[in-house]
Amino acid sequence: MDSKYPAGKVKTVFISDVHLGFPGCSASYLLDFLRNVECEKLYLVGDIIDFLYMRKKLYWPQAHNDVIRTILGKAKHGTKVIYVPGNHDELVRAHDDTVMGNVIIKDEIIHTTANGKRFLVLHGDQFDSVVKHSRLMALLGSKLYDWLLRANQLVSYIRFQLGLPYWSLAAALKHKVKGAVNYISNFETAVSQMAKQKKVDGMICGHIHRAEIREIDDVLYCNCGDWVESCTALIENQDGGLEILHWTEQTASLKSLPAAA
């Protein structure tokens, strides 16, 4: 189920692929979301900080700093925060099973929902080797993809100023490219096969920047999406149900925030 309504109080929130430190990060939307949601657990499902980009160029505006401070504030005041690193923040994996600033670091973890369903939570880059023959692999790591995300930021800013709904240029192009569609399909299948091997009810991941919940071969595949192309989160409601929340349509409270950060 997809939701377009404010989150409010939920049981669990899963976010991935924020890419703080990268110009394409939609930090203002994420900051607004974090300030408007209350949850018992917050999972950071990888690529929260883009250390790979920052090796090339330092980019860290105030909005990115505010996101970190808000997350740490939640961890300090009762929210259990679990950080599951990805390939862009891979150096954090060296601290598996440690606690930093009240944030628990786990390379992968089992999450049990309120209705007793067990989900393996990991970033998803582990499956790139399974789908490595995809034509999109080169695109995802290329300068072309970085350019698309930069262009996406400009398009988003212009549409915001005109009062138009959020629309992702990068996501629209990626979902029309045959290689991208094949990569996503192969990725989802590989994730679902792993869930079956692990004998869990489903898998929660990120990595491919496409939010989705669907059943594949008797397991539930859940992808958090991202805060670069789509600005989505996976949320668990009090009854254990899972849904995707699209935050880009919650623009009223964004008027006081920087339009591009």
C-alpha atoms as a PDB file:
ATOM      1  CA  MET A   1       0.000   0.000   0.000  1.00  0.00           C
ATOM      2  CA  ASP A   2       1.230   3.492  -0.816  1.00  0.00           C
ATOM      3  CA  SER A   3       0.438   6.456   1.409  1.00  0.00           C
ATOM      4  CA  LYS A   4       0.482  10.151   0.539  1.00  0.00           C
ATOM      5  CA  TYR A   5      -0.511  11.387   3.980  1.00  0.00           C
ATOM      6  CA  PRO A   6       1.522  12.731   6.914  1.00  0.00           C
ATOM      7  CA  ALA A   7       3.160   9.972   8.928  1.00  0.00           C
ATOM      8  CA  GLY A   8       2.269  11.052  12.470  1.00  0.00           C
ATOM      9  CA  LYS A   9       2.899   8.303  15.030  1.00  0.00           C
ATOM     10  CA  VAL A  10       3.886   4.935  13.601  1.00  0.00           C
ATOM     11  CA  LYS A  11       5.622   1.883  14.989  1.00  0.00           C
ATOM     12  CA  THR A  12       8.680   1.717  12.721  1.00  0.00           C
ATOM     13  CA  VAL A  13      10.245   3.819   9.964  1.00  0.00           C
ATOM     14  CA  PHE A  14      12.732   2.569   7.352  1.00  0.00           C
ATOM     15  CA  ILE A  15      14.652   5.059   5.199  1.00  0.00           C
ATOM     16  CA  SER A  16      17.500   4.408   2.791  1.00  0.00           C
ATOM     17  CA  ASP A  17      19.678   6.086   0.180  1.00  0.00           C
ATOM     18  CA  VAL A  18      19.627   9.569   1.659  1.00  0.00           C
ATOM     19  CA  HIS A  19      23.092  10.415   0.265  1.00  0.00           C
ATOM     20  CA  LEU A  20      23.938  13.228   2.661  1.00  0.00           C
ATOM     21  CA  GLY A  21      27.023  14.975   1.323  1.00  0.00           C
ATOM     22  CA  PHE A  22      25.812  14.702  -2.276  1.00  0.00           C
ATOM     23  CA  PRO A  23      24.207  17.726  -4.012  1.00  0.00           C
ATOM     24  CA  GLY A  24      21.243  15.656  -5.223  1.00  0.00           C
ATOM     25  CA  CYS A  25      20.092  14.810  -1.691  1.00  0.00           C
ATOM     26  CA  SER A  26      16.608  16.128  -0.904  1.00  0.00           C
ATOM     27  CA  ALA A  27      17.557  17.014   2.660  1.00  0.00           C
ATOM     28  CA  SER A  28      14.771  19.559   3.140  1.00  0.00           C
ATOM     29  CA  TYR A  29      12.086  16.969   2.428  1.00  0.00           C
ATOM     30  CA  LEU A  30      13.747  14.430   4.722  1.00  0.00           C
ATOM     31  CA  LEU A  31      14.165  16.951   7.508  1.00  0.00           C
ATOM     32  CA  ASP A  32      10.494  17.870   7.246  1.00  0.00           C
ATOM     33  CA  PHE A  33       9.539  14.185   7.353  1.00  0.00           C
ATOM     34  CA  LEU A  34      11.699  13.436  10.388  1.00  0.00           C
ATOM     35  CA  ARG A  35      10.224  16.389  12.265  1.00  0.00           C
ATOM     36  CA  ASN A  36       6.698  15.167  11.558  1.00  0.00           C
ATOM     37  CA  VAL A  37       7.015  11.488  12.402  1.00  0.00           C
ATOM     38  CA  GLU A  38       7.187   9.695  15.748  1.00  0.00           C
ATOM     39  CA  CYS A  39       8.272   6.081  15.858  1.00  0.00           C
ATOM     40  CA  GLU A  40       9.540   3.441  18.240  1.00  0.00           C
ATOM     41  CA  LYS A  41      12.260   2.292  15.830  1.00  0.00           C
ATOM     42  CA  LEU A  42      14.056   4.048  12.999  1.00  0.00           C
ATOM     43  CA  TYR A  43      16.074   1.958  10.556  1.00  0.00           C
ATOM     44  CA  LEU A  44      18.686   3.713   8.425  1.00  0.00           C
ATOM     45  CA  VAL A  45      18.990   1.202   5.595  1.00  0.00           C
ATOM     46  CA  GLY A  46      22.268   2.258   4.018  1.00  0.00           C
ATOM     47  CA  ASP A  47      23.790   5.034   1.911  1.00  0.00           C
ATOM     48  CA  ILE A  48      22.752   7.581   4.513  1.00  0.00           C
ATOM     49  CA  ILE A  49      26.010   9.498   4.079  1.00  0.00           C
ATOM     50  CA  ASP A  50      27.654   9.513   0.660  1.00  0.00           C
ATOM     51  CA  PHE A  51      31.304   9.093   1.612  1.00  0.00           C
ATOM     52  CA  LEU A  52      32.100   7.998  -1.950  1.00  0.00           C
ATOM     53  CA  TYR A  53      31.055  11.364  -3.362  1.00  0.00           C
ATOM     54  CA  MET A  54      32.743  13.300  -0.569  1.00  0.00           C
ATOM     55  CA  ARG A  55      36.046  11.662  -1.417  1.00  0.00           C
ATOM     56  CA  LYS A  56      35.895  13.637  -4.662  1.00  0.00           C
ATOM     57  CA  LYS A  57      34.388  16.861  -3.336  1.00  0.00           C
ATOM     58  CA  LEU A  58      33.280  18.139   0.051  1.00  0.00           C
ATOM     59  CA  TYR A  59      29.628  19.165   0.085  1.00  0.00           C
ATOM     60  CA  TRP A  60      27.854  19.563   3.433  1.00  0.00           C
ATOM     61  CA  PRO A  61      25.228  22.346   3.718  1.00  0.00           C
ATOM     62  CA  GLN A  62      23.387  23.149   6.928  1.00  0.00           C
ATOM     63  CA  ALA A  63      20.317  21.101   5.974  1.00  0.00           C
ATOM     64  CA  HIS A  64      22.470  17.950   5.853  1.00  0.00           C
ATOM     65  CA  ASN A  65      23.855  18.726   9.281  1.00  0.00           C
ATOM     66  CA  ASP A  66      20.314  19.284  10.578  1.00  0.00           C
ATOM     67  CA  VAL A  67      19.269  15.826   9.356  1.00  0.00           C
ATOM     68  CA  ILE A  68      22.069  14.204  11.377  1.00  0.00           C
ATOM     69  CA  ARG A  69      21.208  16.270  14.456  1.00  0.00           C
ATOM     70  CA  THR A  70      17.528  15.351  14.163  1.00  0.00           C
ATOM     71  CA  ILE A  71      18.286  11.629  13.906  1.00  0.00           C
ATOM     72  CA  LEU A  72      20.642  11.770  16.884  1.00  0.00           C
ATOM     73  CA  GLY A  73      18.008  13.727  18.799  1.00  0.00           C
ATOM     74  CA  LYS A  74      15.487  10.966  18.193  1.00  0.00           C
ATOM     75  CA  ALA A  75      18.001   8.356  19.346  1.00  0.00           C
ATOM     76  CA  LYS A  76      18.633  10.339  22.519  1.00  0.00           C
ATOM     77  CA  HIS A  77      14.942  10.715  23.350  1.00  0.00           C
ATOM     78  CA  GLY A  78      13.654   7.179  23.127  1.00  0.00           C
ATOM     79  CA  THR A  79      13.631   6.126  19.481  1.00  0.00           C
ATOM     80  CA  LYS A  80      15.693   3.000  18.828  1.00  0.00           C
ATOM     81  CA  VAL A  81      17.855   3.881  15.820  1.00  0.00           C
ATOM     82  CA  ILE A  82      19.530   1.074  13.856  1.00  0.00           C
ATOM     83  CA  TYR A  83      22.058   1.943  11.158  1.00  0.00           C
ATOM     84  CA  VAL A  84      22.488  -0.713   8.448  1.00  0.00           C
ATOM     85  CA  PRO A  85      25.310   0.608   6.210  1.00  0.00           C
ATOM     86  CA  GLY A  86      25.377   0.452   2.418  1.00  0.00           C
ATOM     87  CA  ASN A  87      28.043   0.696  -0.268  1.00  0.00           C
ATOM     88  CA  HIS A  88      28.326   4.502  -0.143  1.00  0.00           C
ATOM     89  CA  ASP A  89      28.827   4.466   3.644  1.00  0.00           C
ATOM     90  CA  GLU A  90      30.603   1.107   3.689  1.00  0.00           C
ATOM     91  CA  LEU A  91      33.310   2.251   6.096  1.00  0.00           C
ATOM     92  CA  VAL A  92      30.668   2.163   8.855  1.00  0.00           C
ATOM     93  CA  ARG A  93      30.451  -1.626   8.376  1.00  0.00           C
ATOM     94  CA  ALA A  94      33.770  -1.941  10.209  1.00  0.00           C
ATOM     95  CA  HIS A  95      31.836  -0.996  13.376  1.00  0.00           C
ATOM     96  CA  ASP A  96      29.252  -3.773  13.157  1.00  0.00           C
ATOM     97  CA  ASP A  97      27.573  -4.536  16.512  1.00  0.00           C
ATOM     98  CA  THR A  98      28.733  -1.292  18.107  1.00  0.00           C
ATOM     99  CA  VAL A  99      26.775   1.698  19.414  1.00  0.00           C
ATOM    100  CA  MET A 100      27.674   5.275  18.460  1.00  0.00           C
ATOM    101  CA  GLY A 101      25.708   8.201  19.844  1.00  0.00           C
ATOM    102  CA  ASN A 102      22.848   5.873  20.838  1.00  0.00           C
ATOM    103  CA  VAL A 103      22.755   4.532  17.255  1.00  0.00           C
ATOM    104  CA  ILE A 104      23.137   0.757  16.860  1.00  0.00           C
ATOM    105  CA  ILE A 105      25.210  -0.355  13.863  1.00  0.00           C
ATOM    106  CA  LYS A 106      24.298  -3.688  12.257  1.00  0.00           C
ATOM    107  CA  ASP A 107      25.437  -5.007   8.885  1.00  0.00           C
ATOM    108  CA  GLU A 108      22.104  -6.846   8.706  1.00  0.00           C
ATOM    109  CA  ILE A 109      19.334  -7.487  11.202  1.00  0.00           C
ATOM    110  CA  ILE A 110      16.018  -9.306  11.582  1.00  0.00           C
ATOM    111  CA  HIS A 111      13.033  -7.050  12.264  1.00  0.00           C
ATOM    112  CA  THR A 112       9.847  -8.587  13.664  1.00  0.00           C
ATOM    113  CA  THR A 113       6.662  -6.649  12.992  1.00  0.00           C
ATOM    114  CA  ALA A 114       3.793  -6.208  15.431  1.00  0.00           C
ATOM    115  CA  ASN A 115       1.905  -9.026  13.706  1.00  0.00           C
ATOM    116  CA  GLY A 116       4.823 -11.448  14.053  1.00  0.00           C
ATOM    117  CA  LYS A 117       6.285 -11.301  10.535  1.00  0.00           C
ATOM    118  CA  ARG A 118      10.082 -11.566  10.304  1.00  0.00           C
ATOM    119  CA  PHE A 119      12.009  -9.429   7.813  1.00  0.00           C
ATOM    120  CA  LEU A 120      15.702  -9.429   7.025  1.00  0.00           C
ATOM    121  CA  VAL A 121      16.914  -5.822   6.803  1.00  0.00           C
ATOM    122  CA  LEU A 122      20.019  -5.005   4.751  1.00  0.00           C
ATOM    123  CA  HIS A 123      21.024  -2.371   2.224  1.00  0.00           C
ATOM    124  CA  GLY A 124      21.005  -4.536  -0.888  1.00  0.00           C
ATOM    125  CA  ASP A 125      24.341  -3.821  -2.565  1.00  0.00           C
ATOM    126  CA  GLN A 126      25.247  -7.386  -1.607  1.00  0.00           C
ATOM    127  CA  PHE A 127      23.116  -8.527  -4.547  1.00  0.00           C
ATOM    128  CA  ASP A 128      24.998  -6.565  -7.192  1.00  0.00           C
ATOM    129  CA  SER A 129      27.258  -9.569  -7.808  1.00  0.00           C
ATOM    130  CA  VAL A 130      24.174 -11.637  -8.602  1.00  0.00           C
ATOM    131  CA  VAL A 131      22.923  -9.188 -11.225  1.00  0.00           C
ATOM    132  CA  LYS A 132      26.334  -7.893 -12.328  1.00  0.00           C
ATOM    133  CA  HIS A 133      25.682  -8.566 -16.019  1.00  0.00           C
ATOM    134  CA  SER A 134      22.991  -5.899 -16.130  1.00  0.00           C
ATOM    135  CA  ARG A 135      23.617  -3.010 -18.523  1.00  0.00           C
ATOM    136  CA  LEU A 136      22.511  -0.549 -15.835  1.00  0.00           C
ATOM    137  CA  MET A 137      25.436  -1.323 -13.525  1.00  0.00           C
ATOM    138  CA  ALA A 138      27.715   0.990 -15.469  1.00  0.00           C
ATOM    139  CA  LEU A 139      25.040   3.711 -15.529  1.00  0.00           C
ATOM    140  CA  LEU A 140      24.480   3.671 -11.776  1.00  0.00           C
ATOM    141  CA  GLY A 141      28.130   4.379 -11.059  1.00  0.00           C
ATOM    142  CA  SER A 142      28.742   6.790 -13.903  1.00  0.00           C
ATOM    143  CA  LYS A 143      29.065  10.534 -14.208  1.00  0.00           C
ATOM    144  CA  LEU A 144      25.928  10.452 -16.349  1.00  0.00           C
ATOM    145  CA  TYR A 145      23.861   9.303 -13.383  1.00  0.00           C
ATOM    146  CA  ASP A 146      25.407  12.033 -11.192  1.00  0.00           C
ATOM    147  CA  TRP A 147      24.492  14.566 -13.883  1.00  0.00           C
ATOM    148  CA  LEU A 148      20.913  13.294 -13.992  1.00  0.00           C
ATOM    149  CA  LEU A 149      20.573  13.710 -10.239  1.00  0.00           C
ATOM    150  CA  ARG A 150      21.947  17.241 -10.393  1.00  0.00           C
ATOM    151  CA  ALA A 151      19.499  18.059 -13.165  1.00  0.00           C
ATOM    152  CA  ASN A 152      16.771  16.484 -11.078  1.00  0.00           C
ATOM    153  CA  GLN A 153      17.564  18.903  -8.247  1.00  0.00           C
ATOM    154  CA  LEU A 154      17.153  21.886 -10.568  1.00  0.00           C
ATOM    155  CA  VAL A 155      13.873  20.558 -11.983  1.00  0.00           C
ATOM    156  CA  SER A 156      12.554  19.942  -8.453  1.00  0.00           C
ATOM    157  CA  TYR A 157      13.458  23.466  -7.365  1.00  0.00           C
ATOM    158  CA  ILE A 158      11.712  25.060 -10.362  1.00  0.00           C
ATOM    159  CA  ARG A 159       8.569  22.943  -9.918  1.00  0.00           C
ATOM    160  CA  PHE A 160       8.534  23.745  -6.191  1.00  0.00           C
ATOM    161  CA  GLN A 161       8.665  27.486  -6.883  1.00  0.00           C
ATOM    162  CA  LEU A 162       5.814  27.134  -9.391  1.00  0.00           C
ATOM    163  CA  GLY A 163       3.702  25.192  -6.897  1.00  0.00           C
ATOM    164  CA  LEU A 164       3.778  22.043  -9.027  1.00  0.00           C
ATOM    165  CA  PRO A 165       3.894  18.502  -7.599  1.00  0.00           C
ATOM    166  CA  TYR A 166       7.261  16.812  -7.107  1.00  0.00           C
ATOM    167  CA  TRP A 167       8.480  14.884 -10.151  1.00  0.00           C
ATOM    168  CA  SER A 168      11.777  13.078 -10.587  1.00  0.00           C
ATOM    169  CA  LEU A 169      13.522  13.394 -13.938  1.00  0.00           C
ATOM    170  CA  ALA A 170      16.092  10.761 -12.962  1.00  0.00           C
ATOM    171  CA  ALA A 171      13.472   8.262 -11.837  1.00  0.00           C
ATOM    172  CA  ALA A 172      11.341   8.790 -14.936  1.00  0.00           C
ATOM    173  CA  LEU A 173      14.265   8.193 -17.277  1.00  0.00           C
ATOM    174  CA  LYS A 174      15.586   5.229 -15.325  1.00  0.00           C
ATOM    175  CA  HIS A 175      12.218   3.466 -15.352  1.00  0.00           C
ATOM    176  CA  LYS A 176      11.962   3.847 -19.149  1.00  0.00           C
ATOM    177  CA  VAL A 177      15.396   2.420 -19.940  1.00  0.00           C
ATOM    178  CA  LYS A 178      15.254  -1.289 -20.761  1.00  0.00           C
ATOM    179  CA  GLY A 179      18.533  -2.004 -18.978  1.00  0.00           C
ATOM    180  CA  ALA A 180      17.255  -0.301 -15.845  1.00  0.00           C
ATOM    181  CA  VAL A 181      14.020  -2.260 -15.866  1.00  0.00           C
ATOM    182  CA  ASN A 182      15.930  -5.523 -16.275  1.00  0.00           C
ATOM    183  CA  TYR A 183      18.329  -4.623 -13.473  1.00  0.00           C
ATOM    184  CA  ILE A 184      15.497  -3.805 -11.079  1.00  0.00           C
ATOM    185  CA  SER A 185      13.671  -7.023 -11.914  1.00  0.00           C
ATOM    186  CA  ASN A 186      16.807  -9.143 -11.442  1.00  0.00           C
ATOM    187  CA  PHE A 187      17.617  -7.366  -8.201  1.00  0.00           C
ATOM    188  CA  GLU A 188      14.156  -7.942  -6.752  1.00  0.00           C
ATOM    189  CA  THR A 189      14.270 -11.636  -7.683  1.00  0.00           C
ATOM    190  CA  ALA A 190      17.707 -12.088  -6.081  1.00  0.00           C
ATOM    191  CA  VAL A 191      16.538 -10.391  -2.879  1.00  0.00           C
ATOM    192  CA  SER A 192      13.455 -12.587  -2.678  1.00  0.00           C
ATOM    193  CA  GLN A 193      15.493 -15.745  -3.185  1.00  0.00           C
ATOM    194  CA  MET A 194      17.727 -14.736  -0.289  1.00  0.00           C
ATOM    195  CA  ALA A 195      14.670 -14.193   1.914  1.00  0.00           C
ATOM    196  CA  LYS A 196      13.519 -17.726   1.167  1.00  0.00           C
ATOM    197  CA  GLN A 197      16.972 -19.113   1.994  1.00  0.00           C
ATOM    198  CA  LYS A 198      16.986 -17.242   5.296  1.00  0.00           C
ATOM    199  CA  LYS A 199      13.481 -18.599   6.069  1.00  0.00           C
ATOM    200  CA  VAL A 200      12.050 -15.161   6.783  1.00  0.00           C
ATOM    201  CA  ASP A 201       8.737 -13.705   5.680  1.00  0.00           C
ATOM    202  CA  GLY A 202      10.335 -10.969   3.643  1.00  0.00           C
ATOM    203  CA  MET A 203      13.216  -8.614   2.978  1.00  0.00           C
ATOM    204  CA  ILE A 204      13.550  -4.872   3.566  1.00  0.00           C
ATOM    205  CA  CYS A 205      16.257  -3.111   1.570  1.00  0.00           C
ATOM    206  CA  GLY A 206      17.172  -0.035  -0.466  1.00  0.00           C
ATOM    207  CA  HIS A 207      20.025   0.482  -2.943  1.00  0.00           C
ATOM    208  CA  ILE A 208      18.145   0.696  -6.266  1.00  0.00           C
ATOM    209  CA  HIS A 209      16.228   3.929  -5.477  1.00  0.00           C
ATOM    210  CA  ARG A 210      12.825   2.435  -6.215  1.00  0.00           C
ATOM    211  CA  ALA A 211      10.251   2.139  -3.439  1.00  0.00           C
ATOM    212  CA  GLU A 212       8.042  -0.904  -3.703  1.00  0.00           C
ATOM    213  CA  ILE A 213       6.132  -3.506  -1.727  1.00  0.00           C
ATOM    214  CA  ARG A 214       5.130  -6.664  -3.519  1.00  0.00           C
ATOM    215  CA  GLU A 215       5.005 -10.391  -3.030  1.00  0.00           C
ATOM    216  CA  ILE A 216       7.552 -12.370  -5.019  1.00  0.00           C
ATOM    217  CA  ASP A 217       7.540 -16.151  -4.834  1.00  0.00           C
ATOM    218  CA  ASP A 218       5.724 -16.241  -1.464  1.00  0.00           C
ATOM    219  CA  VAL A 219       7.953 -13.666   0.278  1.00  0.00           C
ATOM    220  CA  LEU A 220       7.299  -9.954   0.721  1.00  0.00           C
ATOM    221  CA  TYR A 221       9.807  -7.717  -1.032  1.00  0.00           C
ATOM    222  CA  CYS A 222       9.993  -4.219   0.486  1.00  0.00           C
ATOM    223  CA  ASN A 223      12.217  -1.422  -0.772  1.00  0.00           C
ATOM    224  CA  CYS A 224      12.395   1.884   1.125  1.00  0.00           C
ATOM    225  CA  GLY A 225      13.130   3.942  -1.973  1.00  0.00           C
ATOM    226  CA  ASP A 226      15.357   6.976  -1.506  1.00  0.00           C
ATOM    227  CA  TRP A 227      15.657  10.696  -0.711  1.00  0.00           C
ATOM    228  CA  VAL A 228      17.303  11.641  -4.000  1.00  0.00           C
ATOM    229  CA  GLU A 229      14.835  10.581  -6.683  1.00  0.00           C
ATOM    230  CA  SER A 230      11.532   9.807  -4.950  1.00  0.00           C
ATOM    231  CA  CYS A 231      11.614  10.925  -1.269  1.00  0.00           C
ATOM    232  CA  THR A 232       9.927   7.842   0.172  1.00  0.00           C
ATOM    233  CA  ALA A 233       9.945   5.881   3.402  1.00  0.00           C
ATOM    234  CA  LEU A 234       8.699   2.457   4.370  1.00  0.00           C
ATOM    235  CA  ILE A 235       6.597   2.584   7.527  1.00  0.00           C
ATOM    236  CA  GLU A 236       5.179  -0.050   9.834  1.00  0.00           C
ATOM    237  CA  ASN A 237       1.840   0.840  11.358  1.00  0.00           C
ATOM    238  CA  GLN A 238       0.784  -0.112  14.873  1.00  0.00           C
ATOM    239  CA  ASP A 239      -0.903  -3.295  13.594  1.00  0.00           C
ATOM    240  CA  GLY A 240       2.267  -4.444  11.823  1.00  0.00           C
ATOM    241  CA  GLY A 241       1.112  -3.503   8.324  1.00  0.00           C
ATOM    242  CA  LEU A 242       3.708  -2.030   5.976  1.00  0.00           C
ATOM    243  CA  GLU A 243       3.227   0.800   3.494  1.00  0.00           C
ATOM    244  CA  ILE A 244       5.245   3.226   1.416  1.00  0.00           C
ATOM    245  CA  LEU A 245       4.888   6.874   2.290  1.00  0.00           C
ATOM    246  CA  HIS A 246       5.566   9.516  -0.364  1.00  0.00           C
ATOM    247  CA  TRP A 247       6.648  12.719   1.359  1.00  0.00           C
ATOM    248  CA  THR A 248       7.040  14.928  -1.705  1.00  0.00           C
ATOM    249  CA  GLU A 249       3.375  15.899  -1.673  1.00  0.00           C
ATOM    250  CA  GLN A 250       3.568  17.270   1.871  1.00  0.00           C
ATOM    251  CA  THR A 251       4.718  20.720   0.723  1.00  0.00           C
ATOM    252  CA  ALA A 252       2.862  23.008   3.125  1.00  0.00           C
ATOM    253  CA  SER A 253       5.350  22.706   5.978  1.00  0.00           C
ATOM    254  CA  LEU A 254       8.278  23.011   3.562  1.00  0.00           C
ATOM    255  CA  LYS A 255       7.646  26.693   2.910  1.00  0.00           C
ATOM    256  CA  SER A 256       9.869  27.638   5.852  1.00  0.00           C
ATOM    257  CA  LEU A 257      12.713  25.365   4.703  1.00  0.00           C
ATOM    258  CA  PRO A 258      15.300  25.931   1.971  1.00  0.00           C
ATOM    259  CA  ALA A 259      13.783  24.803  -1.314  1.00  0.00           C
ATOM    260  CA  ALA A 260      17.020  23.162  -2.411  1.00  0.00           C
ATOM    261  CA  ALA A 261      19.559  21.687  -0.007  1.00  0.00           C
END
